């Protein structure tokens, strides 16, 4: 039985919109691996020290290499993650370090709930990774 609300002239267009709606609402998974930098110190499961070289723009490439230290310490029945980003020059471009609070909040949310962080800032930078 033909749909009385969709004319034969708009039927293909409507079907395309239904397909697009389905594609946009279907969940997906993205997995990212990081290879840049050098592991300077590895002491599982407590400490990891790596070099960091930002490559997402000429202004941050010019900053050169810095260092990121990840330290995990048991605290009662929980743990504390401390991330230290150092060896940055005085007045370094804030793109190198300004995203850490959002990155760490997102990591915490994902580990605790299996869901992505949905604050306005995290959504703005998530792109097609949501």
N, C-alpha and C. Protein backbone atom coordinates (compact mmCIF):
# COMPACT_ATOMS: atom_id res chain seq x y z
N UNK A 1 0.84 -1.17 0.00
CA UNK A 1 0.00 0.00 0.00
C UNK A 1 0.90 1.24 0.00
N UNK A 2 0.72 2.13 -0.94
CA UNK A 2 1.55 3.32 -1.01
C UNK A 2 1.29 4.24 0.17
N UNK A 3 2.33 4.94 0.60
CA UNK A 3 2.22 5.89 1.69
C UNK A 3 1.51 7.14 1.17
N UNK A 4 0.41 7.50 1.74
CA UNK A 4 -0.35 8.64 1.25
C UNK A 4 0.31 9.98 1.58
N UNK A 5 1.30 9.98 2.48
CA UNK A 5 1.97 11.21 2.87
C UNK A 5 3.19 11.50 2.00
N UNK A 6 3.67 10.53 1.26
CA UNK A 6 4.86 10.70 0.42
C UNK A 6 4.45 10.47 -1.02
N UNK A 7 4.61 11.50 -1.83
CA UNK A 7 4.24 11.36 -3.24
C UNK A 7 5.30 10.55 -3.97
N UNK A 8 4.95 10.09 -5.17
CA UNK A 8 5.92 9.32 -5.95
C UNK A 8 7.12 10.18 -6.33
N UNK A 9 6.97 11.48 -6.30
CA UNK A 9 8.07 12.38 -6.65
C UNK A 9 9.07 12.57 -5.51
N UNK A 10 8.62 12.37 -4.29
CA UNK A 10 9.51 12.56 -3.13
C UNK A 10 9.88 11.24 -2.45
N UNK A 11 9.41 10.14 -3.00
CA UNK A 11 9.65 8.85 -2.38
C UNK A 11 11.15 8.52 -2.25
N UNK A 12 11.92 8.72 -3.32
CA UNK A 12 13.37 8.43 -3.27
C UNK A 12 14.07 9.35 -2.27
N UNK A 13 13.68 10.61 -2.27
CA UNK A 13 14.27 11.59 -1.35
C UNK A 13 13.99 11.18 0.09
N UNK A 14 12.75 10.77 0.37
CA UNK A 14 12.37 10.34 1.72
C UNK A 14 13.15 9.09 2.13
N UNK A 15 13.29 8.15 1.20
CA UNK A 15 14.05 6.93 1.51
C UNK A 15 15.50 7.28 1.82
N UNK A 16 16.04 8.24 1.10
CA UNK A 16 17.42 8.68 1.36
C UNK A 16 17.56 9.28 2.75
N UNK A 17 16.58 10.07 3.16
CA UNK A 17 16.61 10.66 4.50
C UNK A 17 16.50 9.60 5.59
N UNK A 18 15.66 8.60 5.35
CA UNK A 18 15.54 7.51 6.32
C UNK A 18 16.87 6.77 6.45
N UNK A 19 17.53 6.51 5.32
CA UNK A 19 18.84 5.87 5.35
C UNK A 19 19.88 6.70 6.06
N UNK A 20 19.87 8.02 5.81
CA UNK A 20 20.81 8.92 6.48
C UNK A 20 20.55 8.94 7.97
N UNK A 21 19.27 8.99 8.37
CA UNK A 21 18.91 8.97 9.79
C UNK A 21 19.46 7.71 10.45
N UNK A 22 19.27 6.57 9.82
CA UNK A 22 19.77 5.31 10.36
C UNK A 22 21.30 5.34 10.51
N UNK A 23 21.98 5.85 9.49
CA UNK A 23 23.45 5.90 9.51
C UNK A 23 23.95 6.81 10.63
N UNK A 24 23.29 7.93 10.85
CA UNK A 24 23.72 8.88 11.88
C UNK A 24 23.42 8.37 13.29
N UNK A 25 22.39 7.56 13.44
CA UNK A 25 22.00 7.08 14.76
C UNK A 25 22.67 5.76 15.14
N UNK A 26 23.30 5.11 14.20
CA UNK A 26 23.97 3.85 14.48
C UNK A 26 25.26 4.13 15.24
N UNK A 27 25.47 3.42 16.33
CA UNK A 27 26.69 3.64 17.10
C UNK A 27 27.88 3.02 16.37
N UNK A 28 29.04 3.57 16.65
CA UNK A 28 30.25 3.02 16.06
C UNK A 28 31.36 3.08 17.09
N UNK A 29 32.41 2.38 16.80
CA UNK A 29 33.56 2.36 17.70
C UNK A 29 34.79 2.77 16.91
N UNK A 30 35.60 3.63 17.51
CA UNK A 30 36.87 4.04 16.90
C UNK A 30 37.97 3.67 17.87
N UNK A 31 39.02 3.09 17.37
CA UNK A 31 40.16 2.73 18.20
C UNK A 31 41.36 3.49 17.66
N UNK A 32 42.08 4.16 18.57
CA UNK A 32 43.23 4.94 18.18
C UNK A 32 44.47 4.40 18.88
N UNK A 33 45.55 4.35 18.17
CA UNK A 33 46.83 3.94 18.75
C UNK A 33 47.80 5.10 18.61
N UNK A 34 48.66 5.24 19.60
CA UNK A 34 49.62 6.35 19.59
C UNK A 34 51.02 5.77 19.45
N UNK A 35 51.81 6.26 18.48
CA UNK A 35 53.18 5.81 18.27
C UNK A 35 54.18 6.97 18.38
N UNK A 36 53.77 8.19 18.33
CA UNK A 36 54.76 9.27 18.37
C UNK A 36 55.47 9.31 19.69
N UNK A 37 56.74 9.78 19.68
CA UNK A 37 57.48 9.90 20.92
C UNK A 37 58.24 8.64 21.25
N UNK A 38 59.02 8.74 22.33
CA UNK A 38 59.88 7.66 22.79
C UNK A 38 59.55 7.38 24.25
N UNK A 39 59.46 6.10 24.61
CA UNK A 39 59.27 5.73 26.01
C UNK A 39 60.62 5.85 26.71
N UNK A 40 60.71 6.78 27.66
CA UNK A 40 61.96 7.01 28.38
C UNK A 40 62.07 6.13 29.62
N UNK A 41 60.93 5.85 30.23
CA UNK A 41 60.90 5.03 31.44
C UNK A 41 59.59 4.27 31.47
N UNK A 42 59.65 2.97 31.69
CA UNK A 42 58.45 2.15 31.78
C UNK A 42 58.57 1.30 33.03
N UNK A 43 57.64 1.52 33.98
CA UNK A 43 57.62 0.79 35.23
C UNK A 43 56.17 0.36 35.51
N UNK A 44 55.69 -0.69 34.78
CA UNK A 44 54.29 -1.09 34.93
C UNK A 44 54.00 -1.58 36.34
N UNK A 45 52.85 -1.35 36.86
CA UNK A 45 51.77 -0.53 36.33
C UNK A 45 51.77 0.87 36.94
N UNK A 46 52.89 1.33 37.39
CA UNK A 46 52.94 2.57 38.17
C UNK A 46 53.36 3.83 37.40
N UNK A 47 54.28 3.69 36.43
CA UNK A 47 54.88 4.89 35.85
C UNK A 47 55.25 4.68 34.39
N UNK A 48 54.96 5.71 33.60
CA UNK A 48 55.35 5.73 32.19
C UNK A 48 55.80 7.15 31.86
N UNK A 49 57.00 7.28 31.32
CA UNK A 49 57.54 8.59 30.93
C UNK A 49 57.82 8.53 29.43
N UNK A 50 57.24 9.50 28.70
CA UNK A 50 57.36 9.52 27.25
C UNK A 50 57.74 10.91 26.76
N UNK A 51 58.40 10.95 25.61
CA UNK A 51 58.57 12.24 24.95
C UNK A 51 57.28 12.53 24.18
N UNK A 52 57.04 13.80 23.94
CA UNK A 52 55.86 14.21 23.17
C UNK A 52 56.31 15.19 22.10
N UNK A 53 55.90 14.90 20.88
CA UNK A 53 56.16 15.80 19.76
C UNK A 53 54.82 16.07 19.10
N UNK A 54 54.34 17.31 19.20
CA UNK A 54 53.05 17.68 18.61
C UNK A 54 53.26 17.96 17.13
N UNK A 55 52.40 17.38 16.30
CA UNK A 55 52.55 17.50 14.84
C UNK A 55 51.31 18.04 14.15
N UNK A 56 50.37 18.64 14.91
CA UNK A 56 49.11 19.05 14.28
C UNK A 56 49.12 20.45 13.69
N UNK A 57 50.23 21.13 13.71
CA UNK A 57 50.31 22.45 13.08
C UNK A 57 51.71 23.01 13.19
N UNK A 58 52.07 23.89 12.27
CA UNK A 58 53.42 24.44 12.25
C UNK A 58 53.79 25.14 13.55
N UNK A 59 52.80 25.82 14.18
CA UNK A 59 53.09 26.55 15.40
C UNK A 59 53.47 25.63 16.56
N UNK A 60 52.89 24.43 16.63
CA UNK A 60 53.26 23.50 17.70
C UNK A 60 54.45 22.63 17.32
N UNK A 61 54.63 22.37 16.04
CA UNK A 61 55.82 21.63 15.60
C UNK A 61 57.07 22.42 16.00
N UNK A 62 56.99 23.74 15.88
CA UNK A 62 58.13 24.60 16.21
C UNK A 62 58.49 24.53 17.69
N UNK A 63 57.58 24.06 18.55
CA UNK A 63 57.86 23.97 19.99
C UNK A 63 58.84 22.84 20.32
N UNK A 64 58.99 21.87 19.43
CA UNK A 64 59.93 20.79 19.68
C UNK A 64 59.38 19.73 20.62
N UNK A 65 60.29 19.02 21.25
CA UNK A 65 59.95 17.87 22.10
C UNK A 65 59.74 18.28 23.55
N UNK A 66 58.70 17.72 24.18
CA UNK A 66 58.47 17.89 25.61
C UNK A 66 58.33 16.50 26.22
N UNK A 67 58.00 16.44 27.49
CA UNK A 67 57.93 15.15 28.18
C UNK A 67 56.62 15.03 28.95
N UNK A 68 56.01 13.83 28.90
CA UNK A 68 54.78 13.55 29.65
C UNK A 68 55.04 12.34 30.55
N UNK A 69 54.74 12.51 31.84
CA UNK A 69 54.90 11.45 32.83
C UNK A 69 53.53 11.06 33.37
N UNK A 70 53.22 9.77 33.27
CA UNK A 70 51.98 9.21 33.79
C UNK A 70 52.33 8.41 35.04
N UNK A 71 51.73 8.76 36.18
CA UNK A 71 51.99 8.03 37.43
C UNK A 71 50.67 7.58 38.03
N UNK A 72 50.58 6.29 38.35
CA UNK A 72 49.39 5.72 38.96
C UNK A 72 49.76 5.26 40.36
N UNK A 73 48.99 5.73 41.34
CA UNK A 73 49.28 5.42 42.73
C UNK A 73 48.01 4.91 43.41
N UNK A 74 48.08 3.74 44.06
CA UNK A 74 46.91 3.24 44.79
C UNK A 74 46.57 4.19 45.94
N UNK A 75 45.27 4.45 46.11
CA UNK A 75 44.77 5.26 47.22
C UNK A 75 43.54 4.55 47.75
N UNK A 76 43.70 3.82 48.84
CA UNK A 76 42.60 3.04 49.39
C UNK A 76 42.13 2.01 48.38
N UNK A 77 40.82 2.00 48.09
CA UNK A 77 40.29 1.06 47.11
C UNK A 77 40.18 1.70 45.72
N UNK A 78 40.87 2.80 45.53
CA UNK A 78 40.86 3.52 44.26
C UNK A 78 42.30 3.76 43.82
N UNK A 79 42.50 4.68 42.92
CA UNK A 79 43.84 5.05 42.53
C UNK A 79 43.86 6.50 42.05
N UNK A 80 45.04 7.07 42.03
CA UNK A 80 45.20 8.44 41.56
C UNK A 80 46.14 8.42 40.36
N UNK A 81 45.70 9.08 39.29
CA UNK A 81 46.52 9.26 38.10
C UNK A 81 47.03 10.69 38.10
N UNK A 82 48.35 10.84 38.05
CA UNK A 82 48.96 12.16 37.95
C UNK A 82 49.68 12.24 36.62
N UNK A 83 49.35 13.24 35.83
CA UNK A 83 50.01 13.45 34.54
C UNK A 83 50.79 14.75 34.65
N UNK A 84 52.09 14.66 34.40
CA UNK A 84 52.96 15.83 34.44
C UNK A 84 53.51 16.05 33.04
N UNK A 85 53.24 17.22 32.49
CA UNK A 85 53.76 17.57 31.16
C UNK A 85 54.81 18.65 31.39
N UNK A 86 56.07 18.31 31.17
CA UNK A 86 57.14 19.27 31.45
C UNK A 86 58.13 19.34 30.29
N UNK A 87 59.23 19.99 30.54
CA UNK A 87 60.24 20.29 29.53
C UNK A 87 59.65 21.14 28.40
N UNK A 88 58.71 22.00 28.79
CA UNK A 88 58.12 22.98 27.87
C UNK A 88 58.89 24.29 28.06
N UNK A 89 59.09 25.01 26.98
CA UNK A 89 59.78 26.30 27.11
C UNK A 89 58.85 27.31 27.78
N UNK A 90 59.42 28.29 28.44
CA UNK A 90 58.63 29.38 29.04
C UNK A 90 57.81 30.05 27.94
N UNK A 91 56.52 30.21 28.15
CA UNK A 91 55.66 30.83 27.15
C UNK A 91 55.27 29.90 26.00
N UNK A 92 55.40 28.59 26.21
CA UNK A 92 55.08 27.62 25.16
C UNK A 92 53.62 27.76 24.72
N UNK A 93 53.35 27.38 23.49
CA UNK A 93 52.01 27.42 22.92
C UNK A 93 51.06 26.58 23.78
N UNK A 94 49.96 27.19 24.22
CA UNK A 94 49.03 26.50 25.13
C UNK A 94 48.33 25.31 24.46
N UNK A 95 48.40 25.20 23.13
CA UNK A 95 47.82 24.02 22.47
C UNK A 95 48.52 22.75 22.92
N UNK A 96 49.74 22.86 23.39
CA UNK A 96 50.49 21.67 23.83
C UNK A 96 49.96 21.10 25.13
N UNK A 97 49.45 21.94 26.01
CA UNK A 97 49.08 21.47 27.34
C UNK A 97 47.66 21.85 27.77
N UNK A 98 47.01 22.74 27.05
CA UNK A 98 45.71 23.25 27.47
C UNK A 98 44.59 22.23 27.46
N UNK A 99 44.73 21.14 26.72
CA UNK A 99 43.67 20.14 26.62
C UNK A 99 43.73 19.05 27.66
N UNK A 100 44.77 19.03 28.50
CA UNK A 100 44.91 17.94 29.47
C UNK A 100 43.70 17.77 30.39
N UNK A 101 43.13 18.82 30.98
CA UNK A 101 41.97 18.60 31.86
C UNK A 101 40.82 17.88 31.14
N UNK A 102 40.53 18.27 29.91
CA UNK A 102 39.45 17.62 29.16
C UNK A 102 39.83 16.18 28.80
N UNK A 103 41.07 15.96 28.38
CA UNK A 103 41.52 14.61 28.02
C UNK A 103 41.41 13.68 29.22
N UNK A 104 41.89 14.13 30.38
CA UNK A 104 41.87 13.29 31.57
C UNK A 104 40.45 13.07 32.09
N UNK A 105 39.60 14.10 32.01
CA UNK A 105 38.20 13.93 32.40
C UNK A 105 37.51 12.91 31.50
N UNK A 106 37.80 12.99 30.20
CA UNK A 106 37.24 12.04 29.25
C UNK A 106 37.71 10.63 29.51
N UNK A 107 39.00 10.48 29.82
CA UNK A 107 39.56 9.16 30.12
C UNK A 107 38.90 8.58 31.37
N UNK A 108 38.77 9.40 32.40
CA UNK A 108 38.13 8.94 33.65
C UNK A 108 36.69 8.51 33.40
N UNK A 109 35.94 9.33 32.68
CA UNK A 109 34.54 9.00 32.39
C UNK A 109 34.44 7.70 31.61
N UNK A 110 35.28 7.55 30.59
CA UNK A 110 35.25 6.34 29.77
C UNK A 110 35.61 5.10 30.57
N UNK A 111 36.64 5.18 31.41
CA UNK A 111 37.05 4.02 32.21
C UNK A 111 35.99 3.63 33.23
N UNK A 112 35.33 4.63 33.82
CA UNK A 112 34.33 4.34 34.85
C UNK A 112 32.97 3.93 34.30
N UNK A 113 32.61 4.46 33.14
CA UNK A 113 31.25 4.22 32.64
C UNK A 113 31.19 3.55 31.28
N UNK A 114 32.30 3.55 30.55
CA UNK A 114 32.29 3.02 29.18
C UNK A 114 31.67 3.99 28.19
N UNK A 115 31.40 5.22 28.63
CA UNK A 115 30.78 6.22 27.77
C UNK A 115 31.73 7.39 27.55
N UNK A 116 31.52 8.10 26.44
CA UNK A 116 32.33 9.27 26.15
C UNK A 116 31.85 10.45 26.95
N UNK A 117 32.77 11.34 27.29
CA UNK A 117 32.44 12.58 27.98
C UNK A 117 31.60 13.46 27.06
N UNK A 118 30.56 14.08 27.62
CA UNK A 118 29.65 14.86 26.79
C UNK A 118 29.59 16.32 27.21
N UNK A 119 30.66 16.86 27.78
CA UNK A 119 30.68 18.29 28.10
C UNK A 119 30.78 19.07 26.80
N UNK A 120 30.36 20.33 26.79
CA UNK A 120 30.42 21.11 25.54
C UNK A 120 31.81 21.14 24.91
N UNK A 121 32.85 21.28 25.72
CA UNK A 121 34.22 21.30 25.16
C UNK A 121 34.61 19.98 24.53
N UNK A 122 34.26 18.87 25.16
CA UNK A 122 34.63 17.57 24.60
C UNK A 122 33.86 17.27 23.33
N UNK A 123 32.60 17.69 23.26
CA UNK A 123 31.81 17.49 22.04
C UNK A 123 32.38 18.33 20.91
N UNK A 124 32.80 19.55 21.22
CA UNK A 124 33.33 20.44 20.19
C UNK A 124 34.56 19.84 19.53
N UNK A 125 35.43 19.17 20.31
CA UNK A 125 36.66 18.62 19.76
C UNK A 125 36.54 17.16 19.36
N UNK A 126 35.40 16.53 19.59
CA UNK A 126 35.26 15.11 19.28
C UNK A 126 35.18 14.83 17.80
N UNK A 127 34.69 15.77 17.00
CA UNK A 127 34.57 15.54 15.57
C UNK A 127 33.72 14.33 15.28
N UNK A 128 34.19 13.45 14.40
CA UNK A 128 33.41 12.26 14.05
C UNK A 128 33.71 11.10 14.96
N UNK A 129 34.36 11.33 16.10
CA UNK A 129 34.73 10.26 17.00
C UNK A 129 33.66 9.96 18.03
N UNK A 130 32.54 10.71 17.99
CA UNK A 130 31.46 10.46 18.96
C UNK A 130 30.70 9.23 18.57
